Amino acid sequence: MGESVEQNRVYTRPVVLGSERLRLSGELHRLITFLNQTLAQDRLEFGLRKEEEGVYVLTLYRIEEFGIAR
């Protein structure tokens, strides 16, 4: 008794690598899903935000891990 227990917690946060406003059409959510599934092992993730009809912002993120020891 009296011993402190150390727990390591790992958190993630997205870091924006780049963003571009584009005119796009078609199966966009399918494209983003494909990219995210394919590049997840490389800790990359894509986001897609609709600004107006046919205009989207495509953002590329790198997912970083950081830990907190308690």
N, C-alpha and C. Protein backbone atom coordinates (compact mmCIF):
# COMPACT_ATOMS: atom_id res chain seq x y z
N MET A 1 0.83 -1.19 0.00
CA MET A 1 0.00 0.00 0.00
C MET A 1 0.86 1.23 0.00
N GLY A 2 0.26 2.31 -0.40
CA GLY A 2 1.01 3.55 -0.43
C GLY A 2 1.80 3.75 -1.71
N GLU A 3 1.78 2.75 -2.60
CA GLU A 3 2.49 2.88 -3.87
C GLU A 3 1.65 3.67 -4.85
N SER A 4 2.29 4.52 -5.63
CA SER A 4 1.55 5.26 -6.65
C SER A 4 1.54 4.43 -7.93
N VAL A 5 0.43 4.44 -8.58
CA VAL A 5 0.27 3.71 -9.83
C VAL A 5 0.38 4.70 -10.97
N GLU A 6 1.27 4.44 -11.89
CA GLU A 6 1.45 5.33 -13.03
C GLU A 6 0.67 4.80 -14.21
N GLN A 7 -0.16 5.65 -14.78
CA GLN A 7 -0.92 5.27 -15.96
C GLN A 7 -0.48 6.16 -17.12
N ASN A 8 -0.16 5.56 -18.22
CA ASN A 8 0.19 6.32 -19.41
C ASN A 8 -1.02 6.40 -20.31
N ARG A 9 -1.37 7.58 -20.69
CA ARG A 9 -2.49 7.79 -21.59
C ARG A 9 -1.97 8.36 -22.88
N VAL A 10 -2.50 7.87 -23.97
CA VAL A 10 -2.09 8.35 -25.28
C VAL A 10 -3.27 9.07 -25.90
N TYR A 11 -3.02 10.26 -26.36
CA TYR A 11 -4.03 11.08 -27.01
C TYR A 11 -3.58 11.36 -28.44
N THR A 12 -4.51 11.71 -29.28
CA THR A 12 -4.17 12.07 -30.65
C THR A 12 -4.71 13.46 -30.95
N ARG A 13 -4.05 14.11 -31.90
CA ARG A 13 -4.54 15.41 -32.36
C ARG A 13 -4.21 15.54 -33.84
N PRO A 14 -5.12 16.13 -34.60
CA PRO A 14 -4.84 16.35 -36.02
C PRO A 14 -4.02 17.62 -36.22
N VAL A 15 -3.04 17.54 -37.10
CA VAL A 15 -2.23 18.69 -37.47
C VAL A 15 -2.48 18.94 -38.97
N VAL A 16 -2.92 20.14 -39.29
CA VAL A 16 -3.23 20.46 -40.69
C VAL A 16 -1.94 20.57 -41.50
N LEU A 17 -1.87 19.78 -42.58
CA LEU A 17 -0.72 19.84 -43.48
C LEU A 17 -1.01 20.75 -44.66
N GLY A 18 -2.28 20.84 -45.04
CA GLY A 18 -2.64 21.70 -46.17
C GLY A 18 -4.14 21.69 -46.38
N SER A 19 -4.60 22.72 -47.05
CA SER A 19 -6.03 22.86 -47.30
C SER A 19 -6.19 23.58 -48.64
N GLU A 20 -7.21 23.18 -49.39
CA GLU A 20 -7.43 23.78 -50.72
C GLU A 20 -8.93 23.86 -51.00
N ARG A 21 -9.36 24.97 -51.53
CA ARG A 21 -10.76 25.16 -51.94
C ARG A 21 -10.88 24.74 -53.40
N LEU A 22 -11.81 23.81 -53.68
CA LEU A 22 -11.93 23.21 -55.01
C LEU A 22 -13.38 23.12 -55.46
N ARG A 23 -13.57 23.15 -56.77
CA ARG A 23 -14.88 22.84 -57.35
C ARG A 23 -14.86 21.34 -57.66
N LEU A 24 -15.77 20.61 -57.03
CA LEU A 24 -15.79 19.15 -57.16
C LEU A 24 -17.21 18.66 -57.36
N SER A 25 -17.32 17.48 -57.97
CA SER A 25 -18.61 16.80 -58.08
C SER A 25 -18.36 15.30 -58.11
N GLY A 26 -19.40 14.54 -57.96
CA GLY A 26 -19.26 13.08 -58.01
C GLY A 26 -19.33 12.46 -56.64
N GLU A 27 -18.75 11.30 -56.51
CA GLU A 27 -18.80 10.51 -55.28
C GLU A 27 -17.69 10.95 -54.31
N LEU A 28 -17.81 12.16 -53.85
CA LEU A 28 -16.75 12.76 -53.04
C LEU A 28 -16.56 12.06 -51.70
N HIS A 29 -17.64 11.74 -51.02
CA HIS A 29 -17.50 11.08 -49.72
C HIS A 29 -16.90 9.68 -49.87
N ARG A 30 -17.18 9.04 -50.98
CA ARG A 30 -16.58 7.73 -51.25
C ARG A 30 -15.07 7.88 -51.46
N LEU A 31 -14.68 8.94 -52.17
CA LEU A 31 -13.25 9.23 -52.39
C LEU A 31 -12.54 9.48 -51.07
N ILE A 32 -13.13 10.30 -50.21
CA ILE A 32 -12.51 10.62 -48.92
C ILE A 32 -12.40 9.37 -48.05
N THR A 33 -13.43 8.54 -48.04
CA THR A 33 -13.39 7.28 -47.28
C THR A 33 -12.26 6.39 -47.79
N PHE A 34 -12.13 6.27 -49.11
CA PHE A 34 -11.05 5.47 -49.71
C PHE A 34 -9.69 6.01 -49.28
N LEU A 35 -9.48 7.32 -49.38
CA LEU A 35 -8.19 7.91 -49.00
C LEU A 35 -7.90 7.68 -47.52
N ASN A 36 -8.89 7.89 -46.67
CA ASN A 36 -8.68 7.72 -45.23
C ASN A 36 -8.36 6.27 -44.87
N GLN A 37 -9.05 5.32 -45.48
CA GLN A 37 -8.78 3.91 -45.20
C GLN A 37 -7.41 3.50 -45.72
N THR A 38 -7.03 3.99 -46.87
CA THR A 38 -5.77 3.63 -47.49
C THR A 38 -4.57 4.24 -46.77
N LEU A 39 -4.72 5.46 -46.30
CA LEU A 39 -3.59 6.19 -45.72
C LEU A 39 -3.57 6.20 -44.19
N ALA A 40 -4.51 5.51 -43.56
CA ALA A 40 -4.57 5.50 -42.09
C ALA A 40 -3.28 4.95 -41.48
N GLN A 41 -2.69 3.94 -42.09
CA GLN A 41 -1.45 3.35 -41.55
C GLN A 41 -0.30 4.36 -41.60
N ASP A 42 -0.40 5.36 -42.46
CA ASP A 42 0.62 6.41 -42.54
C ASP A 42 0.26 7.61 -41.68
N ARG A 43 -0.82 7.47 -40.88
CA ARG A 43 -1.29 8.51 -39.96
C ARG A 43 -1.70 9.79 -40.68
N LEU A 44 -2.31 9.61 -41.86
CA LEU A 44 -2.84 10.73 -42.63
C LEU A 44 -4.36 10.62 -42.69
N GLU A 45 -5.02 11.76 -42.72
CA GLU A 45 -6.47 11.78 -42.77
C GLU A 45 -6.92 12.98 -43.61
N PHE A 46 -7.97 12.76 -44.39
CA PHE A 46 -8.53 13.82 -45.21
C PHE A 46 -9.87 14.26 -44.65
N GLY A 47 -10.16 15.53 -44.79
CA GLY A 47 -11.46 16.07 -44.42
C GLY A 47 -12.04 16.82 -45.60
N LEU A 48 -13.36 16.82 -45.70
CA LEU A 48 -14.04 17.51 -46.79
C LEU A 48 -15.17 18.32 -46.19
N ARG A 49 -15.18 19.63 -46.49
CA ARG A 49 -16.23 20.51 -45.99
C ARG A 49 -16.87 21.24 -47.16
N LYS A 50 -18.18 21.20 -47.22
CA LYS A 50 -18.91 21.86 -48.30
C LYS A 50 -19.10 23.33 -47.95
N GLU A 51 -18.66 24.21 -48.84
CA GLU A 51 -18.84 25.65 -48.64
C GLU A 51 -20.11 26.15 -49.32
N GLU A 52 -20.33 25.68 -50.53
CA GLU A 52 -21.52 26.03 -51.30
C GLU A 52 -21.70 24.94 -52.35
N GLU A 53 -22.75 25.01 -53.10
CA GLU A 53 -23.04 23.96 -54.09
C GLU A 53 -21.86 23.81 -55.04
N GLY A 54 -21.24 22.62 -55.03
CA GLY A 54 -20.14 22.31 -55.93
C GLY A 54 -18.78 22.82 -55.48
N VAL A 55 -18.71 23.53 -54.36
CA VAL A 55 -17.44 24.07 -53.87
C VAL A 55 -17.15 23.48 -52.49
N TYR A 56 -15.96 22.88 -52.37
CA TYR A 56 -15.58 22.18 -51.15
C TYR A 56 -14.19 22.62 -50.71
N VAL A 57 -13.92 22.44 -49.43
CA VAL A 57 -12.57 22.63 -48.90
C VAL A 57 -12.05 21.26 -48.52
N LEU A 58 -10.95 20.85 -49.15
CA LEU A 58 -10.30 19.58 -48.88
C LEU A 58 -9.10 19.87 -47.97
N THR A 59 -9.04 19.19 -46.83
CA THR A 59 -7.97 19.41 -45.86
C THR A 59 -7.25 18.09 -45.60
N LEU A 60 -5.93 18.14 -45.56
CA LEU A 60 -5.10 16.98 -45.26
C LEU A 60 -4.50 17.17 -43.87
N TYR A 61 -4.67 16.13 -43.03
CA TYR A 61 -4.16 16.16 -41.67
C TYR A 61 -3.15 15.04 -41.46
N ARG A 62 -2.19 15.29 -40.56
CA ARG A 62 -1.33 14.23 -40.03
C ARG A 62 -1.79 14.03 -38.59
N ILE A 63 -2.02 12.79 -38.18
CA ILE A 63 -2.48 12.50 -36.83
C ILE A 63 -1.26 12.23 -35.95
N GLU A 64 -1.08 13.07 -34.94
CA GLU A 64 0.04 12.92 -34.03
C GLU A 64 -0.43 12.38 -32.70
N GLU A 65 0.40 11.55 -32.11
CA GLU A 65 0.12 11.00 -30.78
C GLU A 65 0.98 11.72 -29.75
N PHE A 66 0.42 11.89 -28.59
CA PHE A 66 1.19 12.40 -27.47
C PHE A 66 0.66 11.75 -26.20
N GLY A 67 1.51 11.53 -25.25
CA GLY A 67 1.11 10.84 -24.04
C GLY A 67 1.26 11.69 -22.81
N ILE A 68 0.46 11.36 -21.81
CA ILE A 68 0.53 12.03 -20.52
C ILE A 68 0.68 10.95 -19.46
N ALA A 69 1.73 11.02 -18.71
CA ALA A 69 1.94 10.06 -17.62
C ALA A 69 1.31 10.61 -16.35
N ARG A 70 0.57 9.77 -15.66
CA ARG A 70 -0.05 10.19 -14.39
C ARG A 70 0.40 9.25 -13.30
